[in-house]
Amino acid sequence: MSTEHSKRAEILKRVIQNVNTGNYDEENGYIVFGASSIWDMIRDLTDPSGERKGSILEGRVGKLVSDSKIHDGRVHATRRTSLAQPPEFKTNALDNLPPQEQRVLHDLLEKALQQKSPSSGQPPRPSESDVADALDAAFTDEVLEKLPEIVTRAASLSDMDLEGAPKDIKQYFDEAHRCYLYGFHVACAVLCRAILESALKASVDPKGLIKSSLPKGRSYFNELVEQAMSLQGGLDGSDNRPCAFDVKNAGNWAIHDINRFNQTYGGERLYEVLANTRKVLLDLYSGKKP
C-alpha cells in the first residue's frame, strides 16, 4: 500500500494548539494565530530587530495548556462513551528543555495535577460549555491524528461504479468504507459481511425462497454463494468464491470471537477483507475487476 501524507494535518495541529490556549485574535474578517492580538502581531513584524518575540518556555507553556485541555476532553469522552478507565495525563511539553525552565514548567504541571486530584478536595464542577469545549479539543485532536492514515487508505482504493446496486447495499458500502478509513476494524468487517449477504440475496434469492427451504443447520450465506456461482453472469467461482468466504469469516469472528478476529485480521489485513468485498460486488454488478 502506498504511503500518502496529509500536509494539512501538521498545520492544523499548530493552529489548534493556539485555539486551545486562546492564543488567537479575530478582527475584520482576519484570524491571527500565535499572537494574543493582531496589534501584538504587527508590533512583532515591525520590530527593528526583525525577530519575533517569545521564548521556548512560552511555547511549552502553551503546549502544556493545550495538552491539559485535550486530556480533560478525553476524560469526559471516556466517561460518556467507554467502559475503560479515564486515561492518565501525558505531555511532552517538558522534553529537551534547559534544567531551569524544565523546573518552572514541572512546578506548573504539578500544581495543575494537584488541583485536579480527588485527594485535593472536591474540585469545582465544570460548566456545560467548558465540558463541550474540552470534548471539542479532544475529538479534534483525535481526528487530526487519524488524518494522515485516512488519506493514505483512501488514496490506495480504486474508483468503484456500482450504479446497479440496491440502495441498502450502497448505504452499507459507504459506511463500511468510512469505518475502514477511520480504523474501526470490527465495524468494517461486520458491515462487509452484511454487504455481501445483502448483495447475494438480492441477486439470487430476492423472494426468500432459498432461505425458506434451506435444510436445518445449512448456512444461508454458503448457499447464496453456491447459487450465485451457478447463475449465468453470477460469481466467478475460481476467483470470488474464496473472497466471499473470507469476508464471511471476518464478519462472523468480529461478532462472535473478537480475539480470533484480532489475531487474523489485525492491522492492515483488514484491507484484504474490504478488497475482497469490492471484488465480489464488482463481479455481481458490473463484471469488472478492481
C-alpha atoms as a PDB file:
ATOM      1  CA  MET A   1       0.000   0.000   0.000  1.00  0.00           C
ATOM      2  CA  SER A   2       1.459   3.376  -0.975  1.00  0.00           C
ATOM      3  CA  THR A   3       2.287   5.940   1.706  1.00  0.00           C
ATOM      4  CA  GLU A   4       0.484   9.257   1.389  1.00  0.00           C
ATOM      5  CA  HIS A   5       0.681  12.158   3.800  1.00  0.00           C
ATOM      6  CA  SER A   6      -1.705  14.900   4.847  1.00  0.00           C
ATOM      7  CA  LYS A   7       0.046  18.243   4.506  1.00  0.00           C
ATOM      8  CA  ARG A   8      -2.910  19.837   6.321  1.00  0.00           C
ATOM      9  CA  ALA A   9      -2.713  17.721   9.486  1.00  0.00           C
ATOM     10  CA  GLU A  10       0.539  19.193  10.850  1.00  0.00           C
ATOM     11  CA  ILE A  11      -0.518  22.747  10.004  1.00  0.00           C
ATOM     12  CA  LEU A  12      -3.889  22.269  11.680  1.00  0.00           C
ATOM     13  CA  LYS A  13      -2.264  20.808  14.804  1.00  0.00           C
ATOM     14  CA  ARG A  14      -0.275  24.017  15.225  1.00  0.00           C
ATOM     15  CA  VAL A  15      -3.382  26.107  14.666  1.00  0.00           C
ATOM     16  CA  ILE A  16      -5.445  24.025  17.104  1.00  0.00           C
ATOM     17  CA  GLN A  17      -2.851  24.441  19.872  1.00  0.00           C
ATOM     18  CA  ASN A  18      -3.335  28.193  19.617  1.00  0.00           C
ATOM     19  CA  VAL A  19      -7.116  27.772  19.692  1.00  0.00           C
ATOM     20  CA  ASN A  20      -6.852  25.552  22.796  1.00  0.00           C
ATOM     21  CA  THR A  21      -4.807  28.197  24.614  1.00  0.00           C
ATOM     22  CA  GLY A  22      -6.856  31.159  23.374  1.00  0.00           C
ATOM     23  CA  ASN A  23      -3.770  32.486  21.633  1.00  0.00           C
ATOM     24  CA  TYR A  24      -5.529  33.938  18.600  1.00  0.00           C
ATOM     25  CA  ASP A  25      -7.469  37.027  17.606  1.00  0.00           C
ATOM     26  CA  GLU A  26     -10.228  37.855  15.120  1.00  0.00           C
ATOM     27  CA  GLU A  27     -10.557  41.282  13.556  1.00  0.00           C
ATOM     28  CA  ASN A  28     -12.392  42.466  10.419  1.00  0.00           C
ATOM     29  CA  GLY A  29     -12.580  39.009   8.846  1.00  0.00           C
ATOM     30  CA  TYR A  30      -8.965  38.075   9.666  1.00  0.00           C
ATOM     31  CA  ILE A  31      -7.876  35.446  12.192  1.00  0.00           C
ATOM     32  CA  VAL A  32      -4.371  35.633  13.594  1.00  0.00           C
ATOM     33  CA  PHE A  33      -2.896  32.586  15.351  1.00  0.00           C
ATOM     34  CA  GLY A  34       0.129  32.648  17.625  1.00  0.00           C
ATOM     35  CA  ALA A  35      -0.406  36.192  18.911  1.00  0.00           C
ATOM     36  CA  SER A  36      -2.733  37.397  21.655  1.00  0.00           C
ATOM     37  CA  SER A  37      -3.936  40.171  19.367  1.00  0.00           C
ATOM     38  CA  ILE A  38      -3.476  41.498  15.863  1.00  0.00           C
ATOM     39  CA  TRP A  39      -1.666  44.506  17.314  1.00  0.00           C
ATOM     40  CA  ASP A  40       0.885  42.247  19.022  1.00  0.00           C
ATOM     41  CA  MET A  41       1.478  40.575  15.680  1.00  0.00           C
ATOM     42  CA  ILE A  42       2.000  43.955  13.988  1.00  0.00           C
ATOM     43  CA  ARG A  43       4.484  45.006  16.695  1.00  0.00           C
ATOM     44  CA  ASP A  44       6.381  41.737  16.262  1.00  0.00           C
ATOM     45  CA  LEU A  45       6.533  42.101  12.480  1.00  0.00           C
ATOM     46  CA  THR A  46       7.643  45.741  12.600  1.00  0.00           C
ATOM     47  CA  ASP A  47      10.224  45.262  15.365  1.00  0.00           C
ATOM     48  CA  PRO A  48      13.507  46.849  14.199  1.00  0.00           C
ATOM     49  CA  SER A  49      15.453  43.764  15.156  1.00  0.00           C
ATOM     50  CA  GLY A  50      13.376  41.753  12.697  1.00  0.00           C
ATOM     51  CA  GLU A  51      12.977  38.954  15.233  1.00  0.00           C
ATOM     52  CA  ARG A  52       9.711  37.572  16.560  1.00  0.00           C
ATOM     53  CA  LYS A  53       9.344  37.818  20.341  1.00  0.00           C
ATOM     54  CA  GLY A  54       8.715  34.827  22.548  1.00  0.00           C
ATOM     55  CA  SER A  55      10.653  32.132  24.298  1.00  0.00           C
ATOM     56  CA  ILE A  56      10.905  28.368  24.312  1.00  0.00           C
ATOM     57  CA  LEU A  57       9.268  28.338  27.729  1.00  0.00           C
ATOM     58  CA  GLU A  58       6.313  30.381  26.494  1.00  0.00           C
ATOM     59  CA  GLY A  59       5.748  27.915  23.675  1.00  0.00           C
ATOM     60  CA  ARG A  60       5.991  24.943  26.035  1.00  0.00           C
ATOM     61  CA  VAL A  61       3.525  26.522  28.467  1.00  0.00           C
ATOM     62  CA  GLY A  62       1.103  26.836  25.576  1.00  0.00           C
ATOM     63  CA  LYS A  63       1.703  23.178  24.714  1.00  0.00           C
ATOM     64  CA  LEU A  64       1.069  22.186  28.338  1.00  0.00           C
ATOM     65  CA  VAL A  65      -2.195  24.152  28.473  1.00  0.00           C
ATOM     66  CA  SER A  66      -3.344  22.636  25.175  1.00  0.00           C
ATOM     67  CA  ASP A  67      -2.444  19.089  26.259  1.00  0.00           C
ATOM     68  CA  SER A  68      -4.296  19.629  29.529  1.00  0.00           C
ATOM     69  CA  LYS A  69      -7.477  20.712  27.744  1.00  0.00           C
ATOM     70  CA  ILE A  70      -7.275  17.734  25.358  1.00  0.00           C
ATOM     71  CA  HIS A  71      -6.787  15.422  28.343  1.00  0.00           C
ATOM     72  CA  ASP A  72      -9.857  16.854  30.084  1.00  0.00           C
ATOM     73  CA  GLY A  73     -11.855  16.203  26.928  1.00  0.00           C
ATOM     74  CA  ARG A  74     -10.602  12.624  26.732  1.00  0.00           C
ATOM     75  CA  VAL A  75     -11.630  12.041  30.344  1.00  0.00           C
ATOM     76  CA  HIS A  76     -15.139  13.412  29.685  1.00  0.00           C
ATOM     77  CA  ALA A  77     -15.393  11.335  26.496  1.00  0.00           C
ATOM     78  CA  THR A  78     -14.257   8.145  28.231  1.00  0.00           C
ATOM     79  CA  ARG A  79     -16.816   8.569  30.988  1.00  0.00           C
ATOM     80  CA  ARG A  80     -19.564   9.015  28.416  1.00  0.00           C
ATOM     81  CA  THR A  81     -18.636   6.569  25.650  1.00  0.00           C
ATOM     82  CA  SER A  82     -16.337   3.875  27.058  1.00  0.00           C
ATOM     83  CA  LEU A  83     -16.151   1.223  29.776  1.00  0.00           C
ATOM     84  CA  ALA A  84     -12.411   1.809  30.179  1.00  0.00           C
ATOM     85  CA  GLN A  85     -10.746   3.825  32.919  1.00  0.00           C
ATOM     86  CA  PRO A  86     -10.061   7.501  32.085  1.00  0.00           C
ATOM     87  CA  PRO A  87      -6.577   7.985  30.598  1.00  0.00           C
ATOM     88  CA  GLU A  88      -3.619   9.311  32.558  1.00  0.00           C
ATOM     89  CA  PHE A  89      -2.353  12.760  31.676  1.00  0.00           C
ATOM     90  CA  LYS A  90       0.613  12.726  29.294  1.00  0.00           C
ATOM     91  CA  THR A  91       2.573  15.569  27.728  1.00  0.00           C
ATOM     92  CA  ASN A  92       5.920  16.084  26.012  1.00  0.00           C
ATOM     93  CA  ALA A  93       5.942  19.802  26.823  1.00  0.00           C
ATOM     94  CA  LEU A  94       8.855  19.260  29.248  1.00  0.00           C
ATOM     95  CA  ASP A  95      11.051  17.346  26.804  1.00  0.00           C
ATOM     96  CA  ASN A  96      14.504  18.752  25.928  1.00  0.00           C
ATOM     97  CA  LEU A  97      14.118  21.941  27.986  1.00  0.00           C
ATOM     98  CA  PRO A  98      17.023  23.596  29.854  1.00  0.00           C
ATOM     99  CA  PRO A  99      17.003  22.463  33.534  1.00  0.00           C
ATOM    100  CA  GLN A 100      15.804  25.788  34.950  1.00  0.00           C
ATOM    101  CA  GLU A 101      12.907  26.137  32.523  1.00  0.00           C
ATOM    102  CA  GLN A 102      12.036  22.489  32.971  1.00  0.00           C
ATOM    103  CA  ARG A 103      11.720  23.031  36.743  1.00  0.00           C
ATOM    104  CA  VAL A 104       9.414  26.023  36.214  1.00  0.00           C
ATOM    105  CA  LEU A 105       7.182  24.084  33.873  1.00  0.00           C
ATOM    106  CA  HIS A 106       7.280  20.990  36.090  1.00  0.00           C
ATOM    107  CA  ASP A 107       6.059  23.072  39.049  1.00  0.00           C
ATOM    108  CA  LEU A 108       3.175  24.375  36.950  1.00  0.00           C
ATOM    109  CA  LEU A 109       2.297  20.845  35.905  1.00  0.00           C
ATOM    110  CA  GLU A 110       2.405  19.529  39.489  1.00  0.00           C
ATOM    111  CA  LYS A 111       0.166  22.342  40.684  1.00  0.00           C
ATOM    112  CA  ALA A 112      -2.363  21.717  37.928  1.00  0.00           C
ATOM    113  CA  LEU A 113      -2.448  17.976  38.646  1.00  0.00           C
ATOM    114  CA  GLN A 114      -2.896  18.548  42.375  1.00  0.00           C
ATOM    115  CA  GLN A 115      -5.875  20.796  41.714  1.00  0.00           C
ATOM    116  CA  LYS A 116      -7.484  18.070  39.595  1.00  0.00           C
ATOM    117  CA  SER A 117      -6.706  15.266  42.038  1.00  0.00           C
ATOM    118  CA  PRO A 118      -9.654  13.854  44.075  1.00  0.00           C
ATOM    119  CA  SER A 119      -7.438  13.979  47.201  1.00  0.00           C
ATOM    120  CA  SER A 120      -7.298  17.760  46.963  1.00  0.00           C
ATOM    121  CA  GLY A 121     -10.967  18.003  47.867  1.00  0.00           C
ATOM    122  CA  GLN A 122     -13.995  18.362  45.652  1.00  0.00           C
ATOM    123  CA  PRO A 123     -12.818  20.146  42.511  1.00  0.00           C
ATOM    124  CA  PRO A 124     -15.246  22.671  41.025  1.00  0.00           C
ATOM    125  CA  ARG A 125     -17.724  21.075  38.656  1.00  0.00           C
ATOM    126  CA  PRO A 126     -17.054  22.266  35.108  1.00  0.00           C
ATOM    127  CA  SER A 127     -19.816  24.087  33.276  1.00  0.00           C
ATOM    128  CA  GLU A 128     -21.551  22.515  30.294  1.00  0.00           C
ATOM    129  CA  SER A 129     -19.771  24.935  27.977  1.00  0.00           C
ATOM    130  CA  ASP A 130     -16.371  24.014  29.486  1.00  0.00           C
ATOM    131  CA  VAL A 131     -17.114  20.298  29.033  1.00  0.00           C
ATOM    132  CA  ALA A 132     -18.226  20.870  25.439  1.00  0.00           C
ATOM    133  CA  ASP A 133     -15.068  22.897  24.735  1.00  0.00           C
ATOM    134  CA  ALA A 134     -12.843  20.161  26.207  1.00  0.00           C
ATOM    135  CA  LEU A 135     -14.655  17.484  24.177  1.00  0.00           C
ATOM    136  CA  ASP A 136     -14.219  19.640  21.083  1.00  0.00           C
ATOM    137  CA  ALA A 137     -10.465  19.844  21.745  1.00  0.00           C
ATOM    138  CA  ALA A 138     -10.130  16.092  22.358  1.00  0.00           C
ATOM    139  CA  PHE A 139     -12.081  14.947  19.308  1.00  0.00           C
ATOM    140  CA  THR A 140     -10.389  17.497  17.057  1.00  0.00           C
ATOM    141  CA  ASP A 141      -7.012  16.152  18.199  1.00  0.00           C
ATOM    142  CA  GLU A 142      -8.184  12.570  17.606  1.00  0.00           C
ATOM    143  CA  VAL A 143      -9.331  13.301  14.050  1.00  0.00           C
ATOM    144  CA  LEU A 144      -6.105  15.150  13.220  1.00  0.00           C
ATOM    145  CA  GLU A 145      -4.067  12.192  14.496  1.00  0.00           C
ATOM    146  CA  LYS A 146      -6.022   9.889  12.189  1.00  0.00           C
ATOM    147  CA  LEU A 147      -5.982  12.215   9.182  1.00  0.00           C
ATOM    148  CA  PRO A 148      -2.676  11.128   7.550  1.00  0.00           C
ATOM    149  CA  GLU A 149      -3.702   7.449   7.727  1.00  0.00           C
ATOM    150  CA  ILE A 150      -7.184   8.274   6.396  1.00  0.00           C
ATOM    151  CA  VAL A 151      -5.584   9.961   3.374  1.00  0.00           C
ATOM    152  CA  THR A 152      -3.248   7.002   2.839  1.00  0.00           C
ATOM    153  CA  ARG A 153      -6.073   4.456   2.983  1.00  0.00           C
ATOM    154  CA  ALA A 154      -8.403   6.446   0.732  1.00  0.00           C
ATOM    155  CA  ALA A 155      -5.639   7.014  -1.836  1.00  0.00           C
ATOM    156  CA  SER A 156      -4.996   3.254  -2.004  1.00  0.00           C
ATOM    157  CA  LEU A 157      -8.571   2.485  -3.133  1.00  0.00           C
ATOM    158  CA  SER A 158      -9.555   2.419  -6.780  1.00  0.00           C
ATOM    159  CA  ASP A 159     -12.708   4.023  -8.181  1.00  0.00           C
ATOM    160  CA  MET A 160     -15.907   1.992  -7.889  1.00  0.00           C
ATOM    161  CA  ASP A 161     -19.045   2.169 -10.021  1.00  0.00           C
ATOM    162  CA  LEU A 162     -21.939   0.097  -8.657  1.00  0.00           C
ATOM    163  CA  GLU A 163     -24.761   2.010 -10.290  1.00  0.00           C
ATOM    164  CA  GLY A 164     -26.989  -1.065 -10.378  1.00  0.00           C
ATOM    165  CA  ALA A 165     -26.610  -1.906  -6.684  1.00  0.00           C
ATOM    166  CA  PRO A 166     -29.699  -1.564  -4.453  1.00  0.00           C
ATOM    167  CA  LYS A 167     -29.972   1.385  -2.066  1.00  0.00           C
ATOM    168  CA  ASP A 168     -29.334  -0.649   1.104  1.00  0.00           C
ATOM    169  CA  ILE A 169     -26.125  -2.082  -0.325  1.00  0.00           C
ATOM    170  CA  LYS A 170     -24.908   1.397  -1.240  1.00  0.00           C
ATOM    171  CA  GLN A 171     -25.510   2.538   2.343  1.00  0.00           C
ATOM    172  CA  TYR A 172     -23.669  -0.480   3.758  1.00  0.00           C
ATOM    173  CA  PHE A 173     -20.858   0.171   1.265  1.00  0.00           C
ATOM    174  CA  ASP A 174     -20.479   3.831   2.271  1.00  0.00           C
ATOM    175  CA  GLU A 175     -20.465   3.099   6.000  1.00  0.00           C
ATOM    176  CA  ALA A 176     -18.067   0.147   5.687  1.00  0.00           C
ATOM    177  CA  HIS A 177     -15.570   2.350   3.886  1.00  0.00           C
ATOM    178  CA  ARG A 178     -15.907   5.113   6.488  1.00  0.00           C
ATOM    179  CA  CYS A 179     -15.173   2.551   9.200  1.00  0.00           C
ATOM    180  CA  TYR A 180     -12.144   1.326   7.250  1.00  0.00           C
ATOM    181  CA  LEU A 181     -10.780   4.833   6.736  1.00  0.00           C
ATOM    182  CA  TYR A 182     -11.119   5.758  10.411  1.00  0.00           C
ATOM    183  CA  GLY A 183      -9.713   2.433  11.640  1.00  0.00           C
ATOM    184  CA  PHE A 184     -12.875   0.855  13.103  1.00  0.00           C
ATOM    185  CA  HIS A 185     -11.929  -2.687  12.122  1.00  0.00           C
ATOM    186  CA  VAL A 186     -14.678  -4.658  13.852  1.00  0.00           C
ATOM    187  CA  ALA A 187     -17.463  -2.469  12.479  1.00  0.00           C
ATOM    188  CA  CYS A 188     -15.935  -2.570   8.982  1.00  0.00           C
ATOM    189  CA  ALA A 189     -15.763  -6.383   8.951  1.00  0.00           C
ATOM    190  CA  VAL A 190     -19.360  -6.741  10.166  1.00  0.00           C
ATOM    191  CA  LEU A 191     -20.582  -4.316   7.512  1.00  0.00           C
ATOM    192  CA  CYS A 192     -18.589  -6.047   4.761  1.00  0.00           C
ATOM    193  CA  ARG A 193     -20.314  -9.315   5.622  1.00  0.00           C
ATOM    194  CA  ALA A 194     -23.686  -7.546   5.627  1.00  0.00           C
ATOM    195  CA  ILE A 195     -22.908  -6.038   2.208  1.00  0.00           C
ATOM    196  CA  LEU A 196     -22.181  -9.405   0.630  1.00  0.00           C
ATOM    197  CA  GLU A 197     -25.153 -11.208   2.161  1.00  0.00           C
ATOM    198  CA  SER A 198     -27.498  -8.423   1.032  1.00  0.00           C
ATOM    199  CA  ALA A 199     -25.982  -8.337  -2.459  1.00  0.00           C
ATOM    200  CA  LEU A 200     -26.108 -12.113  -2.871  1.00  0.00           C
ATOM    201  CA  LYS A 201     -29.663 -12.258  -1.558  1.00  0.00           C
ATOM    202  CA  ALA A 202     -30.780  -9.520  -3.971  1.00  0.00           C
ATOM    203  CA  SER A 203     -29.106 -11.366  -6.854  1.00  0.00           C
ATOM    204  CA  VAL A 204     -30.182 -14.985  -6.282  1.00  0.00           C
ATOM    205  CA  ASP A 205     -32.906 -15.026  -3.622  1.00  0.00           C
ATOM    206  CA  PRO A 206     -34.919 -11.787  -3.832  1.00  0.00           C
ATOM    207  CA  LYS A 207     -38.147 -13.519  -2.728  1.00  0.00           C
ATOM    208  CA  GLY A 208     -36.521 -15.522   0.072  1.00  0.00           C
ATOM    209  CA  LEU A 209     -37.383 -18.905  -1.467  1.00  0.00           C
ATOM    210  CA  ILE A 210     -33.933 -20.382  -0.885  1.00  0.00           C
ATOM    211  CA  LYS A 211     -33.943 -19.264   2.735  1.00  0.00           C
ATOM    212  CA  SER A 212     -37.406 -20.667   3.440  1.00  0.00           C
ATOM    213  CA  SER A 213     -36.488 -24.087   2.003  1.00  0.00           C
ATOM    214  CA  LEU A 214     -32.994 -24.283   3.498  1.00  0.00           C
ATOM    215  CA  PRO A 215     -32.369 -27.515   5.469  1.00  0.00           C
ATOM    216  CA  LYS A 216     -31.785 -27.025   9.175  1.00  0.00           C
ATOM    217  CA  GLY A 217     -28.144 -26.383  10.006  1.00  0.00           C
ATOM    218  CA  ARG A 218     -27.248 -25.311   6.458  1.00  0.00           C
ATOM    219  CA  SER A 219     -25.564 -21.916   6.084  1.00  0.00           C
ATOM    220  CA  TYR A 220     -27.707 -19.435   4.174  1.00  0.00           C
ATOM    221  CA  PHE A 221     -24.611 -17.419   3.209  1.00  0.00           C
ATOM    222  CA  ASN A 222     -22.899 -20.527   1.822  1.00  0.00           C
ATOM    223  CA  GLU A 223     -25.985 -21.439  -0.184  1.00  0.00           C
ATOM    224  CA  LEU A 224     -26.218 -17.940  -1.628  1.00  0.00           C
ATOM    225  CA  VAL A 225     -22.590 -18.148  -2.773  1.00  0.00           C
ATOM    226  CA  GLU A 226     -23.110 -21.547  -4.408  1.00  0.00           C
ATOM    227  CA  GLN A 227     -26.263 -20.355  -6.147  1.00  0.00           C
ATOM    228  CA  ALA A 228     -24.529 -17.193  -7.370  1.00  0.00           C
ATOM    229  CA  MET A 229     -21.736 -19.297  -8.860  1.00  0.00           C
ATOM    230  CA  SER A 230     -24.212 -21.376 -10.853  1.00  0.00           C
ATOM    231  CA  LEU A 231     -26.024 -18.379 -12.350  1.00  0.00           C
ATOM    232  CA  GLN A 232     -25.227 -17.058 -15.809  1.00  0.00           C
ATOM    233  CA  GLY A 233     -23.446 -13.771 -15.200  1.00  0.00           C
ATOM    234  CA  GLY A 234     -23.108 -14.563 -11.488  1.00  0.00           C
ATOM    235  CA  LEU A 235     -19.941 -15.051  -9.481  1.00  0.00           C
ATOM    236  CA  ASP A 236     -16.683 -16.284 -10.910  1.00  0.00           C
ATOM    237  CA  GLY A 237     -16.174 -19.193  -8.522  1.00  0.00           C
ATOM    238  CA  SER A 238     -12.456 -19.661  -9.045  1.00  0.00           C
ATOM    239  CA  ASP A 239     -11.750 -16.050  -8.158  1.00  0.00           C
ATOM    240  CA  ASN A 240     -14.531 -14.780  -5.932  1.00  0.00           C
ATOM    241  CA  ARG A 241     -15.704 -17.838  -4.020  1.00  0.00           C
ATOM    242  CA  PRO A 242     -12.712 -17.707  -1.611  1.00  0.00           C
ATOM    243  CA  CYS A 243     -13.096 -13.921  -1.394  1.00  0.00           C
ATOM    244  CA  ALA A 244     -16.714 -14.239  -0.295  1.00  0.00           C
ATOM    245  CA  PHE A 245     -15.920 -16.809   2.389  1.00  0.00           C
ATOM    246  CA  ASP A 246     -13.012 -14.742   3.692  1.00  0.00           C
ATOM    247  CA  VAL A 247     -15.410 -11.827   4.193  1.00  0.00           C
ATOM    248  CA  LYS A 248     -17.931 -14.141   5.846  1.00  0.00           C
ATOM    249  CA  ASN A 249     -15.326 -15.464   8.295  1.00  0.00           C
ATOM    250  CA  ALA A 250     -14.109 -11.978   9.168  1.00  0.00           C
ATOM    251  CA  GLY A 251     -17.636 -10.770   9.888  1.00  0.00           C
ATOM    252  CA  ASN A 252     -18.552 -13.841  11.920  1.00  0.00           C
ATOM    253  CA  TRP A 253     -15.406 -13.681  14.047  1.00  0.00           C
ATOM    254  CA  ALA A 254     -15.822  -9.931  14.557  1.00  0.00           C
ATOM    255  CA  ILE A 255     -19.207 -10.650  16.151  1.00  0.00           C
ATOM    256  CA  HIS A 256     -18.564 -13.952  17.922  1.00  0.00           C
ATOM    257  CA  ASP A 257     -14.807 -14.279  18.569  1.00  0.00           C
ATOM    258  CA  ILE A 258     -13.069 -10.911  18.892  1.00  0.00           C
ATOM    259  CA  ASN A 259      -9.713 -12.420  19.916  1.00  0.00           C
ATOM    260  CA  ARG A 260      -9.598 -14.658  16.846  1.00  0.00           C
ATOM    261  CA  PHE A 261     -10.662 -11.730  14.693  1.00  0.00           C
ATOM    262  CA  ASN A 262      -7.881  -9.513  16.055  1.00  0.00           C
ATOM    263  CA  GLN A 263      -5.279 -12.248  15.530  1.00  0.00           C
ATOM    264  CA  THR A 264      -6.395 -12.985  11.979  1.00  0.00           C
ATOM    265  CA  TYR A 265      -7.475  -9.588  10.674  1.00  0.00           C
ATOM    266  CA  GLY A 266      -5.454  -7.171  12.790  1.00  0.00           C
ATOM    267  CA  GLY A 267      -3.585  -4.253  11.258  1.00  0.00           C
ATOM    268  CA  GLU A 268      -3.724  -3.792   7.507  1.00  0.00           C
ATOM    269  CA  ARG A 269      -5.018  -7.337   6.961  1.00  0.00           C
ATOM    270  CA  LEU A 270      -8.480  -5.755   7.128  1.00  0.00           C
ATOM    271  CA  TYR A 271      -7.718  -4.109   3.783  1.00  0.00           C
ATOM    272  CA  GLU A 272      -7.908  -7.559   2.197  1.00  0.00           C
ATOM    273  CA  VAL A 273     -11.408  -8.071   3.644  1.00  0.00           C
ATOM    274  CA  LEU A 274     -12.553  -4.795   2.121  1.00  0.00           C
ATOM    275  CA  ALA A 275     -10.798  -5.567  -1.179  1.00  0.00           C
ATOM    276  CA  ASN A 276     -12.482  -8.992  -1.328  1.00  0.00           C
ATOM    277  CA  THR A 277     -15.851  -7.375  -0.695  1.00  0.00           C
ATOM    278  CA  ARG A 278     -15.265  -4.961  -3.556  1.00  0.00           C
ATOM    279  CA  LYS A 279     -14.219  -7.799  -5.888  1.00  0.00           C
ATOM    280  CA  VAL A 280     -17.409  -9.751  -5.293  1.00  0.00           C
ATOM    281  CA  LEU A 281     -19.605  -6.675  -5.701  1.00  0.00           C
ATOM    282  CA  LEU A 282     -17.937  -5.750  -8.982  1.00  0.00           C
ATOM    283  CA  ASP A 283     -18.441  -9.291 -10.247  1.00  0.00           C
ATOM    284  CA  LEU A 284     -22.130  -9.211  -9.293  1.00  0.00           C
ATOM    285  CA  TYR A 285     -22.962  -5.751 -10.593  1.00  0.00           C
ATOM    286  CA  SER A 286     -20.551  -4.847 -13.351  1.00  0.00           C
ATOM    287  CA  GLY A 287     -18.365  -7.778 -14.267  1.00  0.00           C
ATOM    288  CA  LYS A 288     -15.297  -5.538 -13.816  1.00  0.00           C
ATOM    289  CA  LYS A 289     -12.276  -6.206 -11.671  1.00  0.00           C
ATOM    290  CA  PRO A 290     -10.900  -3.509  -9.307  1.00  0.00           C
END
